[in-house]
Amino acid sequence: MGYDERFDLRATVGEDDSLHDECGVFGVWAPGRDVARITYFGLHALQHRGQESAGIAVGNGRSVLVRKDRGLVSQVFTDADLSALNGKAAIGHVRYGTAGGGGFDAAQPHFSLIDDVTIALAHNGTLVNTTGVRRELVQMGVPFRSETDSEVACELIGYFTKKSGHLRVGIRHAMQMIEGGYAMVLLRENALYAFRDPNGIRPLVIGALGTEGWVVASETCALDIVGATFVRDVRPGEIVRISDGGILSEQGLEPRPEAQCIFEDVYFSRPDTVIRGRSIYSMRYEMGRQLAREAPVDADLVIGVPDSGMPPAEGYAAQTGIPFGEGLIKNRYVARTFIQPTQEMREMGVRMKLNALSDNVAGRRVVMVDDSIVRGTTSKQIVRMLKEAGATEVHVRINCPEVKWPCFYGIDTDVQRQLISANKSVEEVRDYIGADSLAFLSLEGLRRCVPECGYCDACYTGRYPVRIPEAFSAGKFLDGFAPTFPYDDGEEASVPPVEDVRMDAPRD
């Protein structure tokens, strides 16, 4: 497909061109332990999933206390904060906002009163059908502090809990009303809950902390840092309750065809995280080997773009026999800032985070391996940087297919015109970024490198596991792109009005 005039890079030059997951969640039930500090360290392990805000809520048997703010985990919490958060259970959240904007009110956990009971909720993912539900709740007098879909879920749970008198019933009925990708942890004063969308799009795992404690988290790396042992995934559609009575599980929704986000394997998850018995590092290493089989090139040096490009670069080098080396140095002290940058700072772009190592690349033909190309601005700057450092050729290899379709389930690419591969051919992208050659890993090749299971690969294929309401997707697709949905009969599923939902009895 040729250039589309609606694809305009000028607005994004110098801005962060990486894909971002919306957030990471963590929960712990450990009476007698310092649950606030356990959560603090768990959030540190998940910091890569969100740097906009952080928050912790603690249940002490009588009430729920919440501390949250904008910034990194280490910026939000002091030792005094953690000392004041005493309790038997806690949940935590790190956020990169993709739905509902930023600011303090968008920081999580969200908290809400259900009569005299306080709940706090933390959410990873995006809900696609909350516009109408939010409008109904507002008309019913429910106040909102933010525009986030997560707060809609929190208030919906509160509404159904008041109506039924049981929190698990409230969660179950809320799950029947919401659509999208989600992994949520919820806290009340004396119990911890974890639940997940019926397709399993967003990840959530359970770990054992000693003999009487439990942890839930977005990734296994967060279990490792607090000394917990992986037990299993939270199943798609499952609700898990942890309290003094132990663990109780029920199927809140019948599971649908599994569709876990394949970008967790490609980019989002930390290399030391384990999914279905395999480390993310080993998967990315094999992606590099497969990429070398599909798109070899005659070169002198293979380098990776830190950090997620390093394992596939190692695999590419191992498969081809070309030496692997360091060609880009990352400034690990650059964090997200809330200070509005000047135009001069924007033009510095990637140089604030990366710099070329001329000693290694000068006079050499370089293979640069990276995890993805989204808008193309970052790749363009890195290629130019390497050539200015003396590289005679720069061959770009991407360890995933072309990102052509927007994501609506928790990644910040919900507008197709932002995506360079939806607007340009591979050769046009190569020309735009200034590379001597460019190749992407095939979808079939990627599938060979990850565990066998059901995946959401909509960003590559346009096959979405959950139907996107037209009100949510309006203006998000380019002309000529027709997404497909499961069991597609051309009709959107109808959701009954909130007030008309009939309550069922609690399950033992």
Protein backbone atom coordinates (compact mmCIF):
# COMPACT_ATOMS: atom_id res chain seq x y z
CA MET A 1 0.00 0.00 0.00
CA GLY A 2 1.37 3.43 -0.91
CA TYR A 3 1.71 6.61 1.10
CA ASP A 4 -1.46 7.99 2.68
CA GLU A 5 -1.55 11.75 3.15
CA ARG A 6 -3.30 11.28 6.49
CA PHE A 7 -0.13 9.65 7.80
CA ASP A 8 1.73 12.65 9.22
CA LEU A 9 4.94 12.13 11.19
CA ARG A 10 5.51 15.77 12.04
CA ALA A 11 3.48 15.54 15.23
CA THR A 12 5.50 12.62 16.53
CA VAL A 13 9.07 13.54 15.62
CA GLY A 14 11.22 13.34 18.72
CA GLU A 15 8.50 11.78 20.81
CA ASP A 16 8.61 8.27 22.21
CA ASP A 17 8.03 5.88 19.31
CA SER A 18 7.95 2.69 21.37
CA LEU A 19 4.88 0.59 22.00
CA HIS A 20 3.55 0.89 25.54
CA ASP A 21 1.45 -1.46 27.57
CA GLU A 22 -1.05 0.30 29.76
CA CYS A 23 0.18 -0.92 33.13
CA GLY A 24 1.19 -3.62 35.55
CA VAL A 25 -0.71 -4.94 38.56
CA PHE A 26 0.38 -6.67 41.76
CA GLY A 27 -1.44 -8.06 44.78
CA VAL A 28 -0.38 -9.82 47.96
CA TRP A 29 -2.19 -11.58 50.81
CA ALA A 30 0.26 -12.16 53.68
CA PRO A 31 -1.00 -11.56 57.23
CA GLY A 32 1.88 -10.72 59.55
CA ARG A 33 4.12 -9.57 56.69
CA ASP A 34 4.98 -6.04 55.52
CA VAL A 35 2.59 -6.14 52.58
CA ALA A 36 3.19 -2.54 51.55
CA ARG A 37 6.92 -3.11 51.08
CA ILE A 38 6.33 -6.44 49.36
CA THR A 39 4.06 -4.58 46.92
CA TYR A 40 6.63 -1.80 46.52
CA PHE A 41 9.27 -4.29 45.39
CA GLY A 42 6.77 -6.12 43.20
CA LEU A 43 5.96 -2.84 41.44
CA HIS A 44 9.68 -2.17 40.96
CA ALA A 45 9.87 -5.42 39.00
CA LEU A 46 6.94 -4.25 36.85
CA GLN A 47 8.15 -0.67 36.37
CA HIS A 48 8.82 -1.34 32.67
CA ARG A 49 5.06 -1.71 32.15
CA GLY A 50 4.25 1.86 33.19
CA GLN A 51 6.12 4.97 34.32
CA GLU A 52 3.37 7.59 34.46
CA SER A 53 2.03 6.89 37.95
CA ALA A 54 2.17 4.37 40.76
CA GLY A 55 -0.07 3.43 43.65
CA ILE A 56 -0.52 1.02 46.56
CA ALA A 57 -3.67 0.19 48.55
CA VAL A 58 -3.56 -1.77 51.82
CA GLY A 59 -6.39 -3.56 53.64
CA ASN A 60 -5.95 -3.84 57.40
CA GLY A 61 -9.09 -5.77 58.36
CA ARG A 62 -11.06 -2.60 59.11
CA SER A 63 -10.49 -0.26 56.16
CA VAL A 64 -8.50 0.31 52.98
CA LEU A 65 -5.75 2.93 52.75
CA VAL A 66 -4.52 4.21 49.38
CA ARG A 67 -1.36 6.10 48.44
CA LYS A 68 -0.81 7.01 44.77
CA ASP A 69 0.69 9.76 42.67
CA ARG A 70 2.32 10.55 39.35
CA GLY A 71 5.88 9.37 38.85
CA LEU A 72 8.01 6.26 39.20
CA VAL A 73 7.61 3.84 42.09
CA SER A 74 10.75 5.19 43.77
CA GLN A 75 9.46 8.77 43.40
CA VAL A 76 5.96 8.17 44.72
CA PHE A 77 6.72 6.24 47.94
CA THR A 78 8.91 7.22 50.86
CA ASP A 79 9.90 4.96 53.72
CA ALA A 80 7.42 6.86 55.88
CA ASP A 81 4.62 6.17 53.37
CA LEU A 82 5.30 2.45 53.43
CA SER A 83 5.55 2.38 57.23
CA ALA A 84 2.10 3.97 57.46
CA LEU A 85 0.51 1.38 55.19
CA ASN A 86 0.01 -1.51 57.59
CA GLY A 87 -2.26 -4.43 56.82
CA LYS A 88 -2.69 -8.06 55.85
CA ALA A 89 -3.21 -7.52 52.10
CA ALA A 90 -2.25 -5.00 49.44
CA ILE A 91 -2.55 -4.27 45.75
CA GLY A 92 -0.36 -2.08 43.57
CA HIS A 93 -0.33 -0.51 40.13
CA VAL A 94 2.06 1.13 37.69
CA ARG A 95 0.47 3.01 34.81
CA TYR A 96 1.18 4.13 31.31
CA GLY A 97 -2.03 5.87 30.32
CA THR A 98 -3.74 4.83 27.09
CA ALA A 99 -7.38 5.37 28.04
CA GLY A 100 -8.71 8.37 29.91
CA GLY A 101 -5.67 10.63 30.02
CA GLY A 102 -3.22 11.22 32.83
CA GLY A 103 -3.09 13.12 36.10
CA PHE A 104 -3.59 12.17 39.71
CA ASP A 105 -7.22 11.08 39.34
CA ALA A 106 -6.24 8.62 36.59
CA ALA A 107 -3.57 7.08 38.84
CA GLN A 108 -4.54 3.73 40.34
CA PRO A 109 -5.67 1.91 42.42
CA HIS A 110 -9.11 3.48 42.05
CA PHE A 111 -11.11 3.43 45.25
CA SER A 112 -14.85 3.46 45.84
CA LEU A 113 -17.30 3.16 48.70
CA ILE A 114 -19.90 0.39 48.68
CA ASP A 115 -22.12 1.51 51.55
CA ASP A 116 -19.66 1.28 54.46
CA VAL A 117 -17.13 -0.93 52.64
CA THR A 118 -14.17 0.58 50.75
CA ILE A 119 -12.75 -1.19 47.72
CA ALA A 120 -9.66 -0.41 45.64
CA LEU A 121 -9.12 -1.68 42.10
CA ALA A 122 -6.09 -1.87 39.80
CA HIS A 123 -6.45 -2.72 36.11
CA ASN A 124 -4.16 -3.70 33.26
CA GLY A 125 -5.75 -3.44 29.82
CA THR A 126 -8.47 -1.51 28.03
CA LEU A 127 -12.24 -1.90 28.07
CA VAL A 128 -13.94 -1.14 24.76
CA ASN A 129 -17.60 -0.72 25.72
CA THR A 130 -17.64 1.51 28.80
CA THR A 131 -18.97 4.70 27.17
CA GLY A 132 -22.62 3.71 27.47
CA VAL A 133 -22.16 2.08 30.88
CA ARG A 134 -20.49 5.21 32.23
CA ARG A 135 -23.33 7.38 30.90
CA GLU A 136 -25.89 5.15 32.65
CA LEU A 137 -24.03 5.25 35.94
CA VAL A 138 -23.72 9.05 35.79
CA GLN A 139 -27.47 9.34 35.13
CA MET A 140 -28.01 7.13 38.19
CA GLY A 141 -26.00 9.57 40.31
CA VAL A 142 -22.67 7.73 40.46
CA PRO A 143 -19.84 10.32 40.64
CA PHE A 144 -16.62 9.92 38.62
CA ARG A 145 -13.23 11.50 39.28
CA SER A 146 -11.61 10.57 35.95
CA GLU A 147 -12.35 9.51 32.38
CA THR A 148 -10.72 6.09 32.73
CA ASP A 149 -12.34 2.80 31.82
CA SER A 150 -10.87 1.36 35.02
CA GLU A 151 -12.98 3.65 37.18
CA VAL A 152 -16.08 2.58 35.24
CA ALA A 153 -15.28 -1.05 36.12
CA CYS A 154 -14.74 -0.10 39.76
CA GLU A 155 -18.07 1.74 40.02
CA LEU A 156 -19.91 -0.99 38.11
CA ILE A 157 -18.64 -3.58 40.59
CA GLY A 158 -19.78 -1.31 43.40
CA TYR A 159 -23.25 -0.93 41.92
CA PHE A 160 -23.81 -4.68 41.51
CA THR A 161 -22.33 -5.40 44.94
CA LYS A 162 -24.80 -3.02 46.56
CA LYS A 163 -27.63 -4.62 44.60
CA SER A 164 -26.67 -8.19 45.53
CA GLY A 165 -25.00 -7.75 48.90
CA HIS A 166 -22.03 -9.87 47.79
CA LEU A 167 -18.77 -8.56 46.32
CA ARG A 168 -18.05 -11.68 44.26
CA VAL A 169 -21.51 -11.44 42.71
CA GLY A 170 -20.77 -7.79 41.96
CA ILE A 171 -17.52 -8.72 40.21
CA ARG A 172 -19.18 -11.51 38.26
CA HIS A 173 -21.98 -9.29 36.96
CA ALA A 174 -19.56 -6.50 36.10
CA MET A 175 -17.54 -9.00 34.06
CA GLN A 176 -20.71 -9.87 32.16
CA MET A 177 -21.13 -6.20 31.23
CA ILE A 178 -17.60 -5.22 30.20
CA GLU A 179 -15.68 -6.19 27.06
CA GLY A 180 -12.02 -5.89 26.14
CA GLY A 181 -8.71 -7.01 27.55
CA TYR A 182 -8.27 -6.86 31.31
CA ALA A 183 -6.45 -8.29 34.28
CA MET A 184 -7.66 -6.79 37.55
CA VAL A 185 -6.86 -7.02 41.22
CA LEU A 186 -9.32 -5.72 43.80
CA LEU A 187 -8.94 -5.18 47.54
CA ARG A 188 -11.37 -4.79 50.38
CA GLU A 189 -10.46 -4.55 54.04
CA ASN A 190 -10.32 -8.33 54.55
CA ALA A 191 -9.93 -9.97 51.13
CA LEU A 192 -8.01 -9.84 47.86
CA TYR A 193 -9.59 -10.63 44.48
CA ALA A 194 -8.04 -11.27 41.05
CA PHE A 195 -9.90 -11.75 37.77
CA ARG A 196 -9.17 -11.80 34.07
CA ASP A 197 -10.97 -11.34 30.74
CA PRO A 198 -12.46 -14.51 29.22
CA ASN A 199 -9.99 -14.53 26.30
CA GLY A 200 -6.96 -14.17 28.58
CA ILE A 201 -5.65 -11.24 26.54
CA ARG A 202 -3.85 -9.56 29.42
CA PRO A 203 -1.61 -11.69 31.67
CA LEU A 204 -2.06 -12.48 35.37
CA VAL A 205 -0.26 -15.12 37.45
CA ILE A 206 -0.53 -16.54 40.98
CA GLY A 207 2.40 -17.32 43.26
CA ALA A 208 2.80 -18.83 46.73
CA LEU A 209 4.59 -16.73 49.34
CA GLY A 210 5.80 -19.19 51.95
CA THR A 211 3.16 -21.47 53.40
CA GLU A 212 0.39 -18.97 54.08
CA GLY A 213 0.89 -16.05 51.70
CA TRP A 214 -0.17 -15.49 48.11
CA VAL A 215 0.84 -13.12 45.34
CA VAL A 216 -0.82 -12.19 42.03
CA ALA A 217 1.05 -10.21 39.39
CA SER A 218 1.21 -9.30 35.72
CA GLU A 219 4.49 -11.20 35.27
CA THR A 220 6.48 -13.92 37.03
CA CYS A 221 9.46 -11.56 37.42
CA ALA A 222 7.44 -9.78 40.14
CA LEU A 223 7.02 -13.10 41.97
CA ASP A 224 10.77 -13.67 41.84
CA ILE A 225 11.70 -10.35 43.40
CA VAL A 226 9.49 -10.94 46.48
CA GLY A 227 10.48 -14.60 46.90
CA ALA A 228 7.19 -16.12 45.73
CA THR A 229 6.93 -19.38 43.79
CA PHE A 230 4.87 -19.54 40.61
CA VAL A 231 1.74 -21.69 40.98
CA ARG A 232 -0.34 -21.06 37.85
CA ASP A 233 -1.99 -18.44 35.65
CA VAL A 234 -5.31 -16.94 36.61
CA ARG A 235 -7.53 -18.68 34.07
CA PRO A 236 -9.43 -16.67 31.45
CA GLY A 237 -12.75 -15.58 32.96
CA GLU A 238 -11.78 -16.78 36.44
CA ILE A 239 -12.36 -14.94 39.73
CA VAL A 240 -9.94 -15.75 42.56
CA ARG A 241 -10.67 -14.67 46.15
CA ILE A 242 -8.00 -14.84 48.86
CA SER A 243 -8.89 -14.30 52.50
CA ASP A 244 -8.46 -15.81 55.97
CA GLY A 245 -10.46 -18.76 54.67
CA GLY A 246 -7.85 -19.50 51.97
CA ILE A 247 -8.21 -19.39 48.20
CA LEU A 248 -11.61 -19.68 46.55
CA SER A 249 -11.99 -19.86 42.77
CA GLU A 250 -15.02 -19.59 40.52
CA GLN A 251 -15.55 -19.17 36.80
CA GLY A 252 -17.05 -15.71 36.48
CA LEU A 253 -17.42 -16.07 32.72
CA GLU A 254 -17.11 -19.08 30.48
CA PRO A 255 -13.69 -19.02 28.77
CA ARG A 256 -13.62 -17.98 25.14
CA PRO A 257 -10.97 -19.03 22.61
CA GLU A 258 -7.64 -18.14 24.16
CA ALA A 259 -6.07 -14.97 22.75
CA GLN A 260 -3.18 -13.85 24.92
CA CYS A 261 -1.32 -10.81 23.61
CA ILE A 262 1.62 -11.98 21.48
CA PHE A 263 3.38 -8.66 22.07
CA GLU A 264 4.02 -9.78 25.65
CA ASP A 265 6.45 -12.31 24.15
CA VAL A 266 7.87 -9.90 21.57
CA TYR A 267 8.31 -6.76 23.64
CA PHE A 268 6.37 -6.02 26.83
CA SER A 269 7.42 -8.72 29.29
CA ARG A 270 10.79 -8.67 31.01
CA PRO A 271 13.32 -11.18 29.64
CA ASP A 272 13.36 -13.09 32.95
CA THR A 273 9.58 -13.54 32.98
CA VAL A 274 8.42 -17.09 32.27
CA ILE A 275 5.31 -17.87 30.19
CA ARG A 276 4.14 -21.48 29.79
CA GLY A 277 7.44 -22.81 31.08
CA ARG A 278 9.64 -20.75 28.76
CA SER A 279 11.54 -17.57 29.52
CA ILE A 280 10.87 -14.50 27.43
CA TYR A 281 14.62 -14.32 26.80
CA SER A 282 14.68 -17.76 25.17
CA MET A 283 11.73 -16.88 22.95
CA ARG A 284 13.31 -13.64 21.75
CA TYR A 285 16.64 -15.37 21.16
CA GLU A 286 14.86 -17.90 18.94
CA MET A 287 13.06 -15.06 17.14
CA GLY A 288 16.49 -13.73 16.21
CA ARG A 289 17.60 -17.12 14.90
CA GLN A 290 14.42 -17.47 12.86
CA LEU A 291 14.83 -13.93 11.53
CA ALA A 292 18.36 -14.82 10.39
CA ARG A 293 16.99 -17.86 8.52
CA GLU A 294 14.37 -15.75 6.80
CA ALA A 295 16.41 -12.59 6.12
CA PRO A 296 20.20 -13.17 6.16
CA VAL A 297 22.56 -10.40 5.08
CA ASP A 298 26.30 -10.08 4.49
CA ALA A 299 27.59 -7.88 7.34
CA ASP A 300 30.41 -7.41 9.86
CA LEU A 301 28.57 -6.84 13.15
CA VAL A 302 25.16 -7.57 14.73
CA ILE A 303 23.89 -5.15 17.35
CA GLY A 304 20.60 -4.92 19.26
CA VAL A 305 18.58 -1.86 20.22
CA PRO A 306 18.49 -1.92 24.05
CA ASP A 307 16.81 -3.50 25.82
CA SER A 308 14.32 -5.79 24.10
CA GLY A 309 16.34 -5.95 20.87
CA MET A 310 19.35 -7.54 22.57
CA PRO A 311 18.18 -11.19 22.88
CA PRO A 312 17.03 -11.44 19.23
CA ALA A 313 20.27 -9.78 18.13
CA GLU A 314 22.21 -12.48 19.98
CA GLY A 315 20.12 -15.13 18.24
CA TYR A 316 20.62 -13.53 14.84
CA ALA A 317 24.39 -13.45 15.37
CA ALA A 318 24.48 -17.07 16.56
CA GLN A 319 22.54 -18.27 13.51
CA THR A 320 24.58 -16.32 10.94
CA GLY A 321 28.02 -16.53 12.55
CA ILE A 322 28.38 -12.73 12.34
CA PRO A 323 29.98 -11.34 15.51
CA PHE A 324 27.59 -9.89 18.09
CA GLY A 325 28.65 -6.64 19.72
CA GLU A 326 27.46 -3.50 21.46
CA GLY A 327 26.74 -0.64 19.09
CA LEU A 328 24.27 1.46 21.07
CA ILE A 329 24.73 2.67 24.64
CA LYS A 330 21.55 3.26 26.64
CA ASN A 331 21.21 6.00 29.23
CA ARG A 332 19.44 4.08 31.99
CA TYR A 333 18.70 7.22 34.00
CA VAL A 334 16.25 8.73 31.52
CA ALA A 335 12.72 8.38 32.85
CA ARG A 336 9.41 9.74 31.67
CA THR A 337 9.09 13.44 32.45
CA PHE A 338 6.06 15.62 33.00
CA ILE A 339 7.97 18.78 32.08
CA GLN A 340 6.92 19.94 28.63
CA PRO A 341 10.02 19.69 26.41
CA THR A 342 11.12 22.49 24.15
CA GLN A 343 11.27 21.97 20.40
CA GLU A 344 15.05 21.78 20.71
CA MET A 345 14.70 18.94 23.22
CA ARG A 346 12.26 17.13 20.92
CA GLU A 347 14.73 17.33 18.07
CA MET A 348 17.36 15.66 20.27
CA GLY A 349 14.90 12.77 20.32
CA VAL A 350 16.52 9.39 20.76
CA ARG A 351 19.93 10.85 21.69
CA MET A 352 18.64 11.41 25.24
CA LYS A 353 18.25 7.63 25.56
CA LEU A 354 20.76 6.11 23.11
CA ASN A 355 24.16 6.94 21.68
CA ALA A 356 26.16 5.08 19.06
CA LEU A 357 29.47 3.45 20.02
CA SER A 358 31.69 4.59 17.16
CA ASP A 359 34.60 2.38 18.27
CA ASN A 360 32.51 -0.68 17.34
CA VAL A 361 30.48 0.48 14.34
CA ALA A 362 32.87 2.75 12.42
CA GLY A 363 33.86 1.26 9.08
CA ARG A 364 31.56 -1.76 9.52
CA ARG A 365 28.44 -3.11 7.88
CA VAL A 366 25.98 -3.32 10.77
CA VAL A 367 22.85 -5.41 11.30
CA MET A 368 20.60 -3.53 13.72
CA VAL A 369 17.96 -5.77 15.37
CA ASP A 370 14.94 -4.21 17.04
CA ASP A 371 11.59 -5.46 18.33
CA SER A 372 9.24 -3.38 16.17
CA ILE A 373 8.72 -0.34 13.99
CA VAL A 374 5.64 1.65 14.98
CA ARG A 375 5.76 5.18 13.60
CA GLY A 376 9.27 4.91 12.22
CA THR A 377 10.66 8.04 13.84
CA THR A 378 12.89 6.24 16.34
CA SER A 379 14.29 3.81 13.76
CA LYS A 380 15.04 6.74 11.46
CA GLN A 381 17.04 8.52 14.16
CA ILE A 382 18.96 5.40 15.21
CA VAL A 383 19.96 4.56 11.64
CA ARG A 384 21.15 8.13 11.12
CA MET A 385 23.04 8.00 14.42
CA LEU A 386 24.85 4.80 13.43
CA LYS A 387 25.82 6.19 10.06
CA GLU A 388 27.06 9.42 11.62
CA ALA A 389 29.18 7.21 13.91
CA GLY A 390 30.84 5.70 10.84
CA ALA A 391 28.80 2.61 9.95
CA THR A 392 29.17 2.00 6.23
CA GLU A 393 25.88 0.12 5.97
CA VAL A 394 22.95 -0.34 8.36
CA HIS A 395 20.65 -3.31 7.76
CA VAL A 396 17.54 -3.27 9.96
CA ARG A 397 15.95 -6.53 11.07
CA ILE A 398 12.73 -6.59 13.12
CA ASN A 399 11.87 -9.65 15.20
CA CYS A 400 8.12 -9.41 14.61
CA PRO A 401 5.83 -8.82 11.62
CA GLU A 402 4.77 -5.37 10.43
CA VAL A 403 2.47 -3.58 12.90
CA LYS A 404 -0.36 -2.54 10.58
CA TRP A 405 -3.46 -2.57 12.76
CA PRO A 406 -4.41 -0.59 15.89
CA CYS A 407 -4.70 -2.27 19.29
CA PHE A 408 -7.75 -1.68 21.48
CA TYR A 409 -6.87 -3.99 24.37
CA GLY A 410 -4.17 -2.10 26.27
CA ILE A 411 -1.47 -0.85 23.87
CA ASP A 412 -1.21 2.83 22.94
CA THR A 413 -1.75 2.37 19.17
CA ASP A 414 -5.49 2.72 18.73
CA VAL A 415 -5.28 4.94 15.63
CA GLN A 416 -4.17 3.22 12.43
CA ARG A 417 -2.87 6.33 10.69
CA GLN A 418 -0.06 6.47 13.29
CA LEU A 419 1.36 3.17 12.02
CA ILE A 420 3.91 3.56 9.26
CA SER A 421 3.50 0.00 7.96
CA ALA A 422 -0.22 0.59 7.41
CA ASN A 423 0.69 3.44 5.10
CA LYS A 424 3.92 2.37 3.41
CA SER A 425 5.36 -0.74 1.79
CA VAL A 426 8.46 -2.39 3.30
CA GLU A 427 10.60 -0.69 0.66
CA GLU A 428 9.02 2.70 1.42
CA VAL A 429 9.61 2.19 5.14
CA ARG A 430 13.23 1.24 4.41
CA ASP A 431 13.66 4.42 2.40
CA TYR A 432 12.03 6.55 5.11
CA ILE A 433 14.26 5.27 7.93
CA GLY A 434 17.38 5.42 5.75
CA ALA A 435 18.39 1.75 6.10
CA ASP A 436 20.34 -0.15 3.45
CA SER A 437 17.90 -3.06 3.83
CA LEU A 438 14.89 -3.88 5.99
CA ALA A 439 13.16 -7.15 6.84
CA PHE A 440 10.49 -8.26 9.33
CA LEU A 441 10.00 -11.68 10.89
CA SER A 442 7.05 -13.49 9.32
CA LEU A 443 3.99 -14.31 11.43
CA GLU A 444 4.58 -18.00 10.76
CA GLY A 445 8.18 -17.61 11.92
CA LEU A 446 7.12 -15.79 15.06
CA ARG A 447 4.63 -18.54 15.90
CA ARG A 448 7.44 -21.12 15.75
CA CYS A 449 9.32 -19.23 18.47
CA VAL A 450 6.60 -18.96 21.12
CA PRO A 451 4.62 -21.57 23.10
CA GLU A 452 1.72 -23.23 21.35
CA CYS A 453 -1.50 -21.57 22.49
CA GLY A 454 -4.09 -19.10 21.31
CA TYR A 455 -2.80 -15.59 20.68
CA CYS A 456 -4.18 -12.19 19.84
CA ASP A 457 -2.18 -11.09 16.79
CA ALA A 458 -4.62 -8.38 15.68
CA CYS A 459 -1.87 -5.75 15.39
CA TYR A 460 -0.40 -7.83 12.54
CA THR A 461 -3.50 -9.38 10.99
CA GLY A 462 -6.58 -7.30 11.82
CA ARG A 463 -8.23 -10.38 13.40
CA TYR A 464 -9.61 -9.11 16.71
CA PRO A 465 -10.71 -11.62 19.39
CA VAL A 466 -13.24 -9.17 20.92
CA ARG A 467 -15.59 -7.14 18.75
CA ILE A 468 -14.84 -3.41 18.86
CA PRO A 469 -18.01 -1.30 19.11
CA GLU A 470 -18.32 1.20 16.28
CA ALA A 471 -18.64 4.03 18.78
CA PHE A 472 -15.21 3.09 20.16
CA SER A 473 -13.46 2.47 16.84
CA ALA A 474 -14.93 5.34 14.81
CA GLY A 475 -12.16 7.10 12.91
CA LYS A 476 -9.52 4.63 14.11
CA PHE A 477 -9.20 2.60 10.86
CA LEU A 478 -7.93 3.80 7.51
CA ASP A 479 -10.10 3.48 4.42
CA GLY A 480 -9.68 0.09 2.81
CA PHE A 481 -8.91 -1.74 6.08
CA ALA A 482 -11.69 -4.08 7.22
CA PRO A 483 -11.07 -5.74 10.61
CA THR A 484 -12.53 -9.16 11.34
CA PHE A 485 -14.10 -10.35 14.58
CA PRO A 486 -14.97 -13.81 15.95
CA TYR A 487 -18.35 -15.21 14.96
CA ASP A 488 -18.78 -12.06 12.88
CA ASP A 489 -22.37 -11.73 11.68
CA GLY A 490 -22.12 -7.98 11.26
CA GLU A 491 -24.11 -7.29 14.42
CA GLU A 492 -22.72 -5.81 17.61
CA ALA A 493 -23.53 -7.66 20.81
CA SER A 494 -26.18 -5.91 22.88
CA VAL A 495 -25.62 -5.23 26.56
CA PRO A 496 -28.71 -4.80 28.76
CA PRO A 497 -29.11 -1.55 30.68
CA VAL A 498 -27.33 -1.65 34.03
CA GLU A 499 -30.57 -1.24 35.98
CA ASP A 500 -32.21 -4.17 34.17
CA VAL A 501 -29.57 -6.78 35.06
CA ARG A 502 -31.08 -9.54 37.17
CA MET A 503 -28.97 -10.63 40.11
CA ASP A 504 -28.25 -14.29 40.77
CA ALA A 505 -27.36 -15.87 44.09
CA PRO A 506 -23.80 -16.04 45.43
CA ARG A 507 -21.89 -19.23 44.69
CA ASP A 508 -20.23 -21.21 47.45
